[in-house]
Amino acid sequence: MEVIASINKDTFEKVRKYAMAAEKMERFEHSVRVAETARRMCVLYGEDPEKGYFAGVAHDMCKDLDDETQISLASRDGRPITDVERKKPALLHGRAAAVKLNRDFGVTDADIIQAVSYHTFGGENLCPLAKIVFAADKIEPGRPQSTPEYLEAKLSKSLDELVLEVVQENIDYLNSKGKVVAPQTLSFRKSLQDALAKQGV
């Protein structure tokens, strides 16, 4: 695995090793694909590819922790735990990972913290890196729908257009399964629609 130059090498290696040990192997392999997809998207959309790779590797590092630990970690970020999250604490894994990155690994980069924290539901007014990691998580090549043609079509769009399509696909999927769509995801969709409207798209 190549060295991450603009991220502290030792910090990256500690996070990578923690994620590899804490996650089921299939999940870690997914995380690496998310990291590679995020890096590709960062190059395309003018963001730091090394931050994208780092956030991708780290994004699911708390997903296999027990519910109590995830709740305990996530509750430290200052945001309320929603009813949706309380009913299914595994949905807190991004917030938990962001807290852990900061507390245990000394990661202070605001974009990385936001990208990891918000990758499950999205949110309003996210930075470009957070939008990239959110989308990369949903479209990485291991996903059933993510054929080369699908990826090529997605990556031909502007970042906000791409992310809005991915958010809508996610909402449609949840609706088809009779699952609740988190309010944060609906707010995320609205903020993307508003941004595109301002751009005249």
N, C-alpha and C. Protein backbone atom coordinates (compact mmCIF):
# COMPACT_ATOMS: atom_id res chain seq x y z
N MET A 1 0.86 -1.19 0.00
CA MET A 1 0.00 0.00 0.00
C MET A 1 0.89 1.24 0.00
N GLU A 2 0.56 2.19 -0.86
CA GLU A 2 1.45 3.33 -1.00
C GLU A 2 1.37 4.27 0.20
N VAL A 3 2.44 5.02 0.37
CA VAL A 3 2.54 5.96 1.48
C VAL A 3 1.64 7.16 1.22
N ILE A 4 0.98 7.65 2.26
CA ILE A 4 0.16 8.85 2.15
C ILE A 4 1.04 10.03 2.54
N ALA A 5 1.41 10.83 1.55
CA ALA A 5 2.43 11.85 1.77
C ALA A 5 1.95 13.05 2.57
N SER A 6 0.76 13.59 2.25
CA SER A 6 0.33 14.82 2.93
C SER A 6 -0.39 14.52 4.25
N ILE A 7 -0.61 13.25 4.51
CA ILE A 7 -1.12 12.81 5.81
C ILE A 7 0.06 12.23 6.56
N ASN A 8 0.14 12.47 7.85
CA ASN A 8 1.24 11.91 8.63
C ASN A 8 1.30 10.40 8.43
N LYS A 9 2.45 9.92 7.96
CA LYS A 9 2.61 8.51 7.59
C LYS A 9 2.32 7.58 8.77
N ASP A 10 2.85 7.93 9.94
CA ASP A 10 2.65 7.07 11.11
C ASP A 10 1.18 7.04 11.52
N THR A 11 0.52 8.20 11.46
CA THR A 11 -0.90 8.25 11.81
C THR A 11 -1.72 7.40 10.85
N PHE A 12 -1.44 7.54 9.56
CA PHE A 12 -2.17 6.74 8.58
C PHE A 12 -1.97 5.25 8.85
N GLU A 13 -0.74 4.85 9.11
CA GLU A 13 -0.47 3.43 9.30
C GLU A 13 -1.16 2.90 10.56
N LYS A 14 -1.20 3.71 11.60
CA LYS A 14 -1.90 3.30 12.83
C LYS A 14 -3.40 3.14 12.57
N VAL A 15 -3.97 4.08 11.86
CA VAL A 15 -5.40 4.01 11.55
C VAL A 15 -5.69 2.80 10.65
N ARG A 16 -4.85 2.60 9.64
CA ARG A 16 -5.05 1.47 8.73
C ARG A 16 -4.99 0.14 9.49
N LYS A 17 -4.01 0.01 10.37
CA LYS A 17 -3.88 -1.24 11.14
C LYS A 17 -5.05 -1.42 12.09
N TYR A 18 -5.49 -0.33 12.72
CA TYR A 18 -6.65 -0.43 13.61
C TYR A 18 -7.88 -0.88 12.82
N ALA A 19 -8.11 -0.24 11.67
CA ALA A 19 -9.28 -0.58 10.86
C ALA A 19 -9.23 -2.03 10.41
N MET A 20 -8.07 -2.48 9.99
CA MET A 20 -7.93 -3.85 9.50
C MET A 20 -8.20 -4.85 10.62
N ALA A 21 -7.78 -4.52 11.85
CA ALA A 21 -8.00 -5.42 12.99
C ALA A 21 -9.43 -5.36 13.50
N ALA A 22 -10.04 -4.17 13.45
CA ALA A 22 -11.36 -3.97 14.06
C ALA A 22 -12.50 -4.40 13.16
N GLU A 23 -12.28 -4.40 11.85
CA GLU A 23 -13.34 -4.71 10.91
C GLU A 23 -13.26 -6.16 10.44
N LYS A 24 -14.42 -6.70 10.07
CA LYS A 24 -14.42 -7.97 9.36
C LYS A 24 -13.66 -7.77 8.05
N MET A 25 -13.02 -8.84 7.57
CA MET A 25 -12.17 -8.70 6.38
C MET A 25 -12.95 -8.14 5.19
N GLU A 26 -14.18 -8.61 4.98
CA GLU A 26 -14.97 -8.10 3.86
C GLU A 26 -15.21 -6.60 3.98
N ARG A 27 -15.42 -6.14 5.21
CA ARG A 27 -15.65 -4.70 5.42
C ARG A 27 -14.37 -3.92 5.16
N PHE A 28 -13.24 -4.45 5.60
CA PHE A 28 -11.98 -3.73 5.36
C PHE A 28 -11.69 -3.65 3.87
N GLU A 29 -11.96 -4.73 3.16
CA GLU A 29 -11.77 -4.71 1.70
C GLU A 29 -12.68 -3.66 1.06
N HIS A 30 -13.92 -3.56 1.57
CA HIS A 30 -14.83 -2.49 1.11
C HIS A 30 -14.22 -1.12 1.40
N SER A 31 -13.66 -0.95 2.59
CA SER A 31 -13.09 0.34 2.96
C SER A 31 -11.95 0.73 2.02
N VAL A 32 -11.14 -0.24 1.63
CA VAL A 32 -10.05 0.05 0.70
C VAL A 32 -10.61 0.46 -0.66
N ARG A 33 -11.68 -0.21 -1.09
CA ARG A 33 -12.30 0.19 -2.37
C ARG A 33 -12.91 1.59 -2.28
N VAL A 34 -13.52 1.90 -1.13
CA VAL A 34 -14.03 3.27 -0.92
C VAL A 34 -12.88 4.27 -0.98
N ALA A 35 -11.76 3.93 -0.33
CA ALA A 35 -10.59 4.80 -0.34
C ALA A 35 -10.09 5.03 -1.76
N GLU A 36 -10.02 3.98 -2.54
CA GLU A 36 -9.54 4.11 -3.92
C GLU A 36 -10.52 4.93 -4.77
N THR A 37 -11.82 4.70 -4.56
CA THR A 37 -12.83 5.47 -5.30
C THR A 37 -12.79 6.93 -4.88
N ALA A 38 -12.67 7.19 -3.58
CA ALA A 38 -12.60 8.57 -3.09
C ALA A 38 -11.36 9.28 -3.64
N ARG A 39 -10.25 8.57 -3.69
CA ARG A 39 -9.04 9.17 -4.24
C ARG A 39 -9.24 9.54 -5.71
N ARG A 40 -9.84 8.64 -6.46
CA ARG A 40 -10.13 8.90 -7.88
C ARG A 40 -11.04 10.12 -8.03
N MET A 41 -12.07 10.20 -7.19
CA MET A 41 -12.99 11.32 -7.25
C MET A 41 -12.32 12.62 -6.84
N CYS A 42 -11.43 12.57 -5.86
CA CYS A 42 -10.72 13.78 -5.42
C CYS A 42 -9.86 14.34 -6.56
N VAL A 43 -9.19 13.46 -7.29
CA VAL A 43 -8.41 13.91 -8.43
C VAL A 43 -9.33 14.59 -9.45
N LEU A 44 -10.46 13.99 -9.70
CA LEU A 44 -11.41 14.49 -10.70
C LEU A 44 -12.01 15.83 -10.29
N TYR A 45 -12.30 15.99 -8.98
CA TYR A 45 -13.03 17.18 -8.53
C TYR A 45 -12.14 18.19 -7.79
N GLY A 46 -10.84 18.02 -7.89
CA GLY A 46 -9.93 19.04 -7.38
C GLY A 46 -9.74 19.06 -5.87
N GLU A 47 -9.93 17.91 -5.23
CA GLU A 47 -9.70 17.81 -3.78
C GLU A 47 -8.42 16.99 -3.53
N ASP A 48 -7.95 17.00 -2.30
CA ASP A 48 -6.71 16.31 -1.94
C ASP A 48 -6.93 14.79 -1.97
N PRO A 49 -6.33 14.07 -2.93
CA PRO A 49 -6.57 12.64 -3.04
C PRO A 49 -6.10 11.84 -1.83
N GLU A 50 -5.09 12.35 -1.14
CA GLU A 50 -4.58 11.61 0.01
C GLU A 50 -5.55 11.70 1.19
N LYS A 51 -6.20 12.86 1.34
CA LYS A 51 -7.26 12.97 2.36
C LYS A 51 -8.41 12.04 2.03
N GLY A 52 -8.77 11.96 0.74
CA GLY A 52 -9.84 11.07 0.32
C GLY A 52 -9.51 9.61 0.65
N TYR A 53 -8.27 9.23 0.37
CA TYR A 53 -7.87 7.85 0.64
C TYR A 53 -7.91 7.56 2.15
N PHE A 54 -7.38 8.49 2.92
CA PHE A 54 -7.35 8.33 4.38
C PHE A 54 -8.76 8.19 4.94
N ALA A 55 -9.65 9.10 4.53
CA ALA A 55 -11.02 9.06 5.05
C ALA A 55 -11.72 7.78 4.63
N GLY A 56 -11.46 7.31 3.42
CA GLY A 56 -12.06 6.06 2.97
C GLY A 56 -11.63 4.87 3.80
N VAL A 57 -10.35 4.78 4.08
CA VAL A 57 -9.85 3.68 4.91
C VAL A 57 -10.47 3.73 6.30
N ALA A 58 -10.67 4.95 6.83
CA ALA A 58 -11.12 5.11 8.22
C ALA A 58 -12.63 5.06 8.40
N HIS A 59 -13.42 5.21 7.34
CA HIS A 59 -14.83 5.55 7.50
C HIS A 59 -15.65 4.49 8.25
N ASP A 60 -15.30 3.21 8.11
CA ASP A 60 -16.07 2.14 8.76
C ASP A 60 -15.33 1.50 9.94
N MET A 61 -14.32 2.16 10.46
CA MET A 61 -13.46 1.52 11.45
C MET A 61 -14.17 1.19 12.77
N CYS A 62 -15.33 1.79 13.01
CA CYS A 62 -16.08 1.50 14.24
C CYS A 62 -17.34 0.69 13.99
N LYS A 63 -17.57 0.26 12.77
CA LYS A 63 -18.86 -0.36 12.44
C LYS A 63 -19.06 -1.70 13.13
N ASP A 64 -18.00 -2.41 13.43
CA ASP A 64 -18.14 -3.72 14.07
C ASP A 64 -18.00 -3.67 15.59
N LEU A 65 -17.96 -2.45 16.15
CA LEU A 65 -17.94 -2.32 17.61
C LEU A 65 -19.35 -2.57 18.16
N ASP A 66 -19.44 -2.88 19.45
CA ASP A 66 -20.76 -3.12 20.04
C ASP A 66 -21.54 -1.81 20.16
N ASP A 67 -22.86 -1.96 20.30
CA ASP A 67 -23.75 -0.79 20.32
C ASP A 67 -23.37 0.22 21.38
N GLU A 68 -23.08 -0.28 22.58
CA GLU A 68 -22.79 0.63 23.70
C GLU A 68 -21.56 1.49 23.40
N THR A 69 -20.54 0.87 22.82
CA THR A 69 -19.32 1.62 22.51
C THR A 69 -19.59 2.66 21.43
N GLN A 70 -20.37 2.30 20.43
CA GLN A 70 -20.68 3.27 19.38
C GLN A 70 -21.46 4.45 19.93
N ILE A 71 -22.44 4.18 20.79
CA ILE A 71 -23.23 5.25 21.40
C ILE A 71 -22.33 6.14 22.25
N SER A 72 -21.46 5.51 23.04
CA SER A 72 -20.56 6.25 23.92
C SER A 72 -19.64 7.17 23.13
N LEU A 73 -19.07 6.66 22.05
CA LEU A 73 -18.17 7.48 21.24
C LEU A 73 -18.94 8.59 20.52
N ALA A 74 -20.03 8.23 19.86
CA ALA A 74 -20.78 9.22 19.07
C ALA A 74 -21.32 10.35 19.93
N SER A 75 -21.69 10.04 21.16
CA SER A 75 -22.28 11.06 22.03
C SER A 75 -21.29 12.16 22.40
N ARG A 76 -20.01 11.96 22.08
CA ARG A 76 -18.98 12.95 22.40
C ARG A 76 -18.82 14.02 21.33
N ASP A 77 -19.55 13.89 20.21
CA ASP A 77 -19.33 14.87 19.13
C ASP A 77 -20.21 16.11 19.25
N GLY A 78 -21.05 16.16 20.28
CA GLY A 78 -21.84 17.36 20.52
C GLY A 78 -23.16 17.43 19.77
N ARG A 79 -23.43 16.45 18.92
CA ARG A 79 -24.70 16.42 18.20
C ARG A 79 -25.65 15.46 18.88
N PRO A 80 -26.96 15.74 18.86
CA PRO A 80 -27.90 14.82 19.49
C PRO A 80 -27.96 13.50 18.74
N ILE A 81 -28.24 12.43 19.47
CA ILE A 81 -28.47 11.13 18.85
C ILE A 81 -29.95 11.06 18.48
N THR A 82 -30.23 10.83 17.21
CA THR A 82 -31.61 10.86 16.72
C THR A 82 -32.33 9.56 17.07
N ASP A 83 -33.65 9.58 16.91
CA ASP A 83 -34.45 8.37 17.15
C ASP A 83 -34.01 7.24 16.22
N VAL A 84 -33.74 7.57 14.96
CA VAL A 84 -33.31 6.55 13.99
C VAL A 84 -32.01 5.90 14.46
N GLU A 85 -31.08 6.72 14.94
CA GLU A 85 -29.78 6.20 15.40
C GLU A 85 -29.93 5.40 16.69
N ARG A 86 -30.81 5.86 17.57
CA ARG A 86 -30.99 5.16 18.84
C ARG A 86 -31.60 3.77 18.63
N LYS A 87 -32.47 3.67 17.64
CA LYS A 87 -33.09 2.37 17.36
C LYS A 87 -32.11 1.41 16.71
N LYS A 88 -31.13 1.94 15.99
CA LYS A 88 -30.11 1.11 15.34
C LYS A 88 -28.75 1.77 15.53
N PRO A 89 -28.11 1.51 16.68
CA PRO A 89 -26.85 2.20 17.00
C PRO A 89 -25.73 2.01 15.99
N ALA A 90 -25.80 0.95 15.18
CA ALA A 90 -24.76 0.76 14.16
C ALA A 90 -24.71 1.92 13.19
N LEU A 91 -25.83 2.67 13.08
CA LEU A 91 -25.85 3.83 12.21
C LEU A 91 -24.97 4.97 12.74
N LEU A 92 -24.52 4.84 13.97
CA LEU A 92 -23.65 5.84 14.58
C LEU A 92 -22.17 5.59 14.26
N HIS A 93 -21.87 4.58 13.47
CA HIS A 93 -20.47 4.17 13.32
C HIS A 93 -19.59 5.25 12.71
N GLY A 94 -20.15 6.07 11.82
CA GLY A 94 -19.35 7.16 11.24
C GLY A 94 -19.02 8.22 12.27
N ARG A 95 -20.02 8.61 13.03
CA ARG A 95 -19.79 9.59 14.09
C ARG A 95 -18.80 9.04 15.12
N ALA A 96 -18.95 7.77 15.46
CA ALA A 96 -18.04 7.15 16.42
C ALA A 96 -16.61 7.14 15.87
N ALA A 97 -16.47 6.82 14.60
CA ALA A 97 -15.14 6.77 13.99
C ALA A 97 -14.49 8.16 13.96
N ALA A 98 -15.29 9.18 13.69
CA ALA A 98 -14.75 10.54 13.67
C ALA A 98 -14.22 10.94 15.04
N VAL A 99 -14.99 10.61 16.09
CA VAL A 99 -14.54 10.90 17.45
C VAL A 99 -13.26 10.13 17.76
N LYS A 100 -13.23 8.87 17.38
CA LYS A 100 -12.06 8.03 17.66
C LYS A 100 -10.82 8.53 16.92
N LEU A 101 -11.01 8.95 15.67
CA LEU A 101 -9.88 9.50 14.91
C LEU A 101 -9.26 10.69 15.63
N ASN A 102 -10.13 11.56 16.12
CA ASN A 102 -9.64 12.76 16.81
C ASN A 102 -9.05 12.42 18.17
N ARG A 103 -9.77 11.62 18.96
CA ARG A 103 -9.37 11.36 20.34
C ARG A 103 -8.17 10.43 20.44
N ASP A 104 -8.19 9.36 19.66
CA ASP A 104 -7.18 8.31 19.84
C ASP A 104 -6.02 8.38 18.84
N PHE A 105 -6.24 9.07 17.72
CA PHE A 105 -5.18 9.12 16.70
C PHE A 105 -4.72 10.54 16.40
N GLY A 106 -5.32 11.53 17.07
CA GLY A 106 -4.87 12.91 16.93
C GLY A 106 -5.18 13.55 15.59
N VAL A 107 -6.18 13.03 14.88
CA VAL A 107 -6.55 13.61 13.58
C VAL A 107 -7.39 14.86 13.83
N THR A 108 -6.95 15.98 13.29
CA THR A 108 -7.64 17.26 13.52
C THR A 108 -8.15 17.89 12.23
N ASP A 109 -7.83 17.31 11.09
CA ASP A 109 -8.27 17.89 9.81
C ASP A 109 -9.80 17.91 9.76
N ALA A 110 -10.36 19.10 9.66
CA ALA A 110 -11.83 19.25 9.75
C ALA A 110 -12.55 18.55 8.61
N ASP A 111 -11.96 18.56 7.41
CA ASP A 111 -12.61 17.91 6.27
C ASP A 111 -12.67 16.39 6.44
N ILE A 112 -11.59 15.81 6.91
CA ILE A 112 -11.56 14.36 7.15
C ILE A 112 -12.55 13.98 8.24
N ILE A 113 -12.55 14.74 9.33
CA ILE A 113 -13.48 14.45 10.43
C ILE A 113 -14.92 14.54 9.93
N GLN A 114 -15.24 15.58 9.15
CA GLN A 114 -16.60 15.72 8.64
C GLN A 114 -16.94 14.59 7.67
N ALA A 115 -16.01 14.24 6.80
CA ALA A 115 -16.26 13.20 5.81
C ALA A 115 -16.57 11.86 6.47
N VAL A 116 -15.82 11.52 7.50
CA VAL A 116 -16.05 10.25 8.20
C VAL A 116 -17.35 10.32 9.01
N SER A 117 -17.56 11.43 9.68
CA SER A 117 -18.72 11.57 10.56
C SER A 117 -20.04 11.51 9.81
N TYR A 118 -20.08 12.10 8.61
CA TYR A 118 -21.35 12.26 7.89
C TYR A 118 -21.55 11.28 6.74
N HIS A 119 -20.69 10.27 6.62
CA HIS A 119 -20.77 9.43 5.42
C HIS A 119 -22.01 8.53 5.39
N THR A 120 -22.67 8.31 6.52
CA THR A 120 -23.83 7.41 6.53
C THR A 120 -25.08 8.10 6.00
N PHE A 121 -25.39 9.27 6.52
CA PHE A 121 -26.63 9.97 6.17
C PHE A 121 -26.42 11.19 5.29
N GLY A 122 -25.20 11.71 5.24
CA GLY A 122 -25.00 13.01 4.63
C GLY A 122 -25.47 14.11 5.57
N GLY A 123 -25.61 15.31 5.06
CA GLY A 123 -26.03 16.43 5.88
C GLY A 123 -25.98 17.72 5.09
N GLU A 124 -26.44 18.79 5.67
CA GLU A 124 -26.45 20.08 4.99
C GLU A 124 -25.06 20.71 4.98
N ASN A 125 -24.79 21.43 3.91
CA ASN A 125 -23.58 22.26 3.82
C ASN A 125 -22.29 21.48 4.06
N LEU A 126 -22.20 20.30 3.48
CA LEU A 126 -20.99 19.50 3.64
C LEU A 126 -19.88 20.00 2.72
N CYS A 127 -18.64 19.82 3.17
CA CYS A 127 -17.49 20.16 2.35
C CYS A 127 -17.38 19.16 1.18
N PRO A 128 -16.66 19.52 0.13
CA PRO A 128 -16.55 18.60 -1.01
C PRO A 128 -16.01 17.22 -0.64
N LEU A 129 -15.04 17.15 0.27
CA LEU A 129 -14.50 15.84 0.66
C LEU A 129 -15.58 14.97 1.28
N ALA A 130 -16.43 15.54 2.11
CA ALA A 130 -17.50 14.77 2.74
C ALA A 130 -18.49 14.26 1.70
N LYS A 131 -18.79 15.09 0.70
CA LYS A 131 -19.67 14.64 -0.38
C LYS A 131 -19.03 13.48 -1.14
N ILE A 132 -17.74 13.59 -1.38
CA ILE A 132 -17.01 12.55 -2.12
C ILE A 132 -17.03 11.23 -1.36
N VAL A 133 -16.74 11.25 -0.08
CA VAL A 133 -16.69 10.01 0.70
C VAL A 133 -18.09 9.40 0.83
N PHE A 134 -19.10 10.25 1.01
CA PHE A 134 -20.48 9.75 1.05
C PHE A 134 -20.78 8.97 -0.23
N ALA A 135 -20.48 9.59 -1.39
CA ALA A 135 -20.78 8.93 -2.67
C ALA A 135 -19.89 7.72 -2.90
N ALA A 136 -18.61 7.83 -2.59
CA ALA A 136 -17.68 6.72 -2.82
C ALA A 136 -18.12 5.47 -2.06
N ASP A 137 -18.65 5.67 -0.87
CA ASP A 137 -19.14 4.55 -0.06
C ASP A 137 -20.27 3.80 -0.77
N LYS A 138 -21.08 4.54 -1.52
CA LYS A 138 -22.26 3.95 -2.15
C LYS A 138 -21.98 3.42 -3.56
N ILE A 139 -20.92 3.91 -4.22
CA ILE A 139 -20.69 3.53 -5.62
C ILE A 139 -19.39 2.78 -5.85
N GLU A 140 -18.67 2.43 -4.78
CA GLU A 140 -17.40 1.71 -4.98
C GLU A 140 -17.66 0.42 -5.77
N PRO A 141 -16.67 -0.08 -6.51
CA PRO A 141 -16.89 -1.16 -7.47
C PRO A 141 -17.42 -2.47 -6.88
N GLY A 142 -17.38 -2.63 -5.57
CA GLY A 142 -17.94 -3.85 -4.98
C GLY A 142 -19.45 -3.82 -4.83
N ARG A 143 -20.06 -2.66 -5.03
CA ARG A 143 -21.52 -2.55 -4.94
C ARG A 143 -22.16 -3.22 -6.16
N PRO A 144 -23.31 -3.88 -5.98
CA PRO A 144 -23.90 -4.64 -7.08
C PRO A 144 -24.17 -3.83 -8.35
N GLN A 145 -24.61 -2.58 -8.18
CA GLN A 145 -24.97 -1.77 -9.33
C GLN A 145 -23.77 -1.12 -10.01
N SER A 146 -22.60 -1.20 -9.36
CA SER A 146 -21.48 -0.36 -9.76
C SER A 146 -20.63 -1.00 -10.86
N THR A 147 -21.22 -1.12 -12.02
CA THR A 147 -20.50 -1.60 -13.19
C THR A 147 -19.57 -0.50 -13.70
N PRO A 148 -18.60 -0.83 -14.54
CA PRO A 148 -17.76 0.22 -15.13
C PRO A 148 -18.57 1.29 -15.84
N GLU A 149 -19.66 0.86 -16.52
CA GLU A 149 -20.50 1.82 -17.24
C GLU A 149 -21.22 2.76 -16.26
N TYR A 150 -21.71 2.18 -15.15
CA TYR A 150 -22.38 2.97 -14.12
C TYR A 150 -21.42 4.02 -13.56
N LEU A 151 -20.21 3.59 -13.22
CA LEU A 151 -19.23 4.51 -12.65
C LEU A 151 -18.85 5.60 -13.65
N GLU A 152 -18.65 5.20 -14.89
CA GLU A 152 -18.28 6.18 -15.92
C GLU A 152 -19.37 7.24 -16.08
N ALA A 153 -20.63 6.80 -16.07
CA ALA A 153 -21.73 7.75 -16.18
C ALA A 153 -21.78 8.69 -14.98
N LYS A 154 -21.59 8.15 -13.78
CA LYS A 154 -21.63 8.99 -12.58
C LYS A 154 -20.49 10.01 -12.60
N LEU A 155 -19.30 9.55 -12.95
CA LEU A 155 -18.12 10.41 -12.86
C LEU A 155 -18.03 11.40 -14.01
N SER A 156 -18.99 11.36 -14.92
CA SER A 156 -19.04 12.36 -16.00
C SER A 156 -19.80 13.61 -15.56
N LYS A 157 -20.40 13.57 -14.37
CA LYS A 157 -21.24 14.67 -13.88
C LYS A 157 -20.46 15.56 -12.93
N SER A 158 -21.04 16.71 -12.63
CA SER A 158 -20.47 17.56 -11.58
C SER A 158 -20.60 16.84 -10.25
N LEU A 159 -19.82 17.27 -9.26
CA LEU A 159 -19.87 16.60 -7.96
C LEU A 159 -21.27 16.65 -7.36
N ASP A 160 -21.90 17.82 -7.35
CA ASP A 160 -23.23 17.92 -6.74
C ASP A 160 -24.26 17.09 -7.51
N GLU A 161 -24.16 17.07 -8.83
CA GLU A 161 -25.08 16.24 -9.61
C GLU A 161 -24.90 14.76 -9.29
N LEU A 162 -23.65 14.33 -9.24
CA LEU A 162 -23.34 12.93 -8.92
C LEU A 162 -23.89 12.57 -7.54
N VAL A 163 -23.59 13.41 -6.55
CA VAL A 163 -23.99 13.09 -5.18
C VAL A 163 -25.51 13.10 -5.05
N LEU A 164 -26.18 14.04 -5.71
CA LEU A 164 -27.64 14.06 -5.65
C LEU A 164 -28.22 12.78 -6.23
N GLU A 165 -27.68 12.30 -7.33
CA GLU A 165 -28.16 11.04 -7.91
C GLU A 165 -27.96 9.89 -6.93
N VAL A 166 -26.81 9.86 -6.28
CA VAL A 166 -26.51 8.77 -5.33
C VAL A 166 -27.44 8.85 -4.12
N VAL A 167 -27.69 10.07 -3.63
CA VAL A 167 -28.62 10.24 -2.51
C VAL A 167 -30.01 9.75 -2.90
N GLN A 168 -30.47 10.13 -4.10
CA GLN A 168 -31.80 9.72 -4.53
C GLN A 168 -31.89 8.20 -4.70
N GLU A 169 -30.84 7.59 -5.23
CA GLU A 169 -30.81 6.13 -5.33
C GLU A 169 -30.90 5.49 -3.95
N ASN A 170 -30.21 6.08 -2.99
CA ASN A 170 -30.22 5.56 -1.62
C ASN A 170 -31.62 5.68 -1.02
N ILE A 171 -32.26 6.82 -1.22
CA ILE A 171 -33.62 7.04 -0.72
C ILE A 171 -34.59 6.06 -1.37
N ASP A 172 -34.47 5.90 -2.69
CA ASP A 172 -35.35 4.96 -3.40
C ASP A 172 -35.17 3.54 -2.88
N TYR A 173 -33.94 3.16 -2.62
CA TYR A 173 -33.66 1.81 -2.10
C TYR A 173 -34.31 1.62 -0.73
N LEU A 174 -34.11 2.60 0.16
CA LEU A 174 -34.69 2.49 1.50
C LEU A 174 -36.21 2.43 1.43
N ASN A 175 -36.81 3.25 0.57
CA ASN A 175 -38.27 3.23 0.41
C ASN A 175 -38.74 1.87 -0.09
N SER A 176 -37.99 1.28 -1.03
CA SER A 176 -38.39 -0.01 -1.60
C SER A 176 -38.35 -1.13 -0.57
N LYS A 177 -37.50 -0.95 0.45
CA LYS A 177 -37.37 -1.95 1.51
C LYS A 177 -38.24 -1.63 2.72
N GLY A 178 -39.02 -0.55 2.63
CA GLY A 178 -39.86 -0.15 3.75
C GLY A 178 -39.09 0.37 4.93
N LYS A 179 -37.88 0.89 4.68
CA LYS A 179 -37.05 1.41 5.77
C LYS A 179 -37.19 2.91 5.89
N VAL A 180 -36.92 3.41 7.07
CA VAL A 180 -37.04 4.84 7.34
C VAL A 180 -35.86 5.59 6.70
N VAL A 181 -36.17 6.69 6.04
CA VAL A 181 -35.14 7.58 5.52
C VAL A 181 -34.84 8.61 6.59
N ALA A 182 -33.59 8.71 6.98
CA ALA A 182 -33.22 9.64 8.05
C ALA A 182 -33.47 11.08 7.63
N PRO A 183 -33.94 11.92 8.56
CA PRO A 183 -34.15 13.34 8.23
C PRO A 183 -32.89 14.01 7.68
N GLN A 184 -31.71 13.59 8.18
CA GLN A 184 -30.46 14.19 7.70
C GLN A 184 -30.28 13.95 6.20
N THR A 185 -30.71 12.77 5.72
CA THR A 185 -30.56 12.45 4.30
C THR A 185 -31.49 13.30 3.46
N LEU A 186 -32.70 13.53 3.96
CA LEU A 186 -33.63 14.40 3.24
C LEU A 186 -33.12 15.83 3.20
N SER A 187 -32.53 16.28 4.29
CA SER A 187 -31.92 17.62 4.33
C SER A 187 -30.74 17.71 3.36
N PHE A 188 -29.98 16.63 3.30
CA PHE A 188 -28.84 16.57 2.38
C PHE A 188 -29.32 16.71 0.94
N ARG A 189 -30.36 15.96 0.60
CA ARG A 189 -30.93 16.05 -0.76
C ARG A 189 -31.38 17.48 -1.06
N LYS A 190 -32.08 18.08 -0.12
CA LYS A 190 -32.59 19.45 -0.33
C LYS A 190 -31.43 20.44 -0.52
N SER A 191 -30.37 20.30 0.26
CA SER A 191 -29.24 21.23 0.14
C SER A 191 -28.55 21.08 -1.22
N LEU A 192 -28.47 19.85 -1.72
CA LEU A 192 -27.88 19.61 -3.04
C LEU A 192 -28.77 20.17 -4.14
N GLN A 193 -30.08 19.97 -4.01
CA GLN A 193 -31.03 20.53 -4.99
C GLN A 193 -30.92 22.05 -5.01
N ASP A 194 -30.85 22.66 -3.83
CA ASP A 194 -30.75 24.13 -3.75
C ASP A 194 -29.45 24.61 -4.39
N ALA A 195 -28.35 23.90 -4.13
CA ALA A 195 -27.06 24.30 -4.68
C ALA A 195 -27.08 24.22 -6.21
N LEU A 196 -27.67 23.15 -6.73
CA LEU A 196 -27.74 22.99 -8.18
C LEU A 196 -28.65 24.04 -8.81
N ALA A 197 -29.75 24.38 -8.11
CA ALA A 197 -30.66 25.41 -8.61
C ALA A 197 -29.93 26.76 -8.73
N LYS A 198 -29.08 27.06 -7.74
CA LYS A 198 -28.32 28.31 -7.78
C LYS A 198 -27.33 28.31 -8.94
N GLN A 199 -26.86 27.10 -9.28
CA GLN A 199 -25.92 26.97 -10.40
C GLN A 199 -26.64 26.95 -11.75
N GLY A 200 -27.98 26.95 -11.69
CA GLY A 200 -28.77 26.92 -12.90
C GLY A 200 -28.84 25.56 -13.55
N VAL A 201 -28.61 24.52 -12.74
CA VAL A 201 -28.64 23.13 -13.27
C VAL A 201 -30.03 22.54 -13.06
